[in-house]
Protein backbone atom coordinates (compact mmCIF):
# COMPACT_ATOMS: atom_id res chain seq x y z
CA MET A 1 0.32 -0.06 0.11
CA LEU A 2 0.97 3.50 -0.38
CA ASN A 3 1.24 6.29 1.30
CA PRO A 4 -1.40 4.83 4.02
CA ALA A 5 -3.78 7.39 5.38
CA ILE A 6 -2.81 8.76 8.47
CA GLY A 7 -5.70 9.28 10.54
CA LYS A 8 -6.05 5.21 9.89
CA LEU A 9 -3.26 4.80 11.41
CA ILE A 10 -3.43 6.70 14.72
CA ASN A 11 -7.05 5.28 15.37
CA SER A 12 -5.31 2.08 16.00
CA CYS A 13 -2.88 4.34 18.14
CA GLU A 14 -3.21 6.45 21.30
CA ASN A 15 -0.44 8.87 20.04
CA ARG A 16 1.26 9.42 17.37
CA TYR A 17 4.33 8.79 19.33
CA LYS A 18 3.15 5.18 20.26
CA LEU A 19 2.73 4.11 16.45
CA VAL A 20 6.17 5.73 15.95
CA ASN A 21 7.42 3.63 17.90
CA GLU A 22 5.53 -0.05 16.63
CA ILE A 23 6.69 0.07 13.42
CA ALA A 24 10.07 1.60 14.30
CA LYS A 25 9.65 -1.80 16.26
CA GLU A 26 8.75 -3.86 13.92
CA ALA A 27 10.76 -2.31 11.06
CA ARG A 28 13.87 -3.50 13.38
CA GLN A 29 12.54 -7.25 13.92
CA ILE A 30 11.84 -8.09 9.44
CA SER A 31 15.63 -5.91 8.75
CA SER A 32 16.87 -8.84 11.38
CA ASP A 33 14.74 -11.72 10.16
CA ALA A 34 16.03 -10.59 6.58
CA GLU A 35 19.44 -10.69 7.64
CA GLN A 36 19.45 -13.51 10.20
CA LYS A 37 18.23 -15.64 6.99
CA GLY A 38 20.46 -14.20 4.43
CA GLU A 39 17.35 -12.75 2.63
CA ILE A 40 17.79 -9.30 0.36
CA LEU A 41 14.83 -7.18 1.40
CA ILE A 42 13.65 -4.27 -1.98
CA GLU A 43 11.37 -2.62 -0.08
CA LYS A 44 12.32 -0.59 3.10
CA PRO A 45 11.26 -2.38 6.43
CA VAL A 46 10.15 0.76 7.45
CA SER A 47 7.45 0.69 4.04
CA ILE A 48 6.64 -3.54 5.71
CA ALA A 49 6.04 -2.71 8.61
CA ILE A 50 3.74 0.51 8.26
CA ASP A 51 1.92 -2.00 5.62
CA LYS A 52 1.68 -5.23 7.79
CA LEU A 53 0.71 -2.47 10.62
CA VAL A 54 -2.43 -1.11 8.63
CA LYS A 55 -3.32 -4.20 7.22
CA GLU A 56 -4.31 -5.48 11.21
CA VAL A 57 -6.07 -3.04 11.11
């Protein structure tokens, strides 16, 4: 998904700070998993994390 609506993401969290922390945490996990498996990510981990969060909402 390209540029999800911020309002939709904000509603899933208490505030923007918590949203950014959740996305960063997920992005680090995605990056770490890819590194351990030797995978090359075509998309940036942050973009993958945002898409994952949008799908959960």
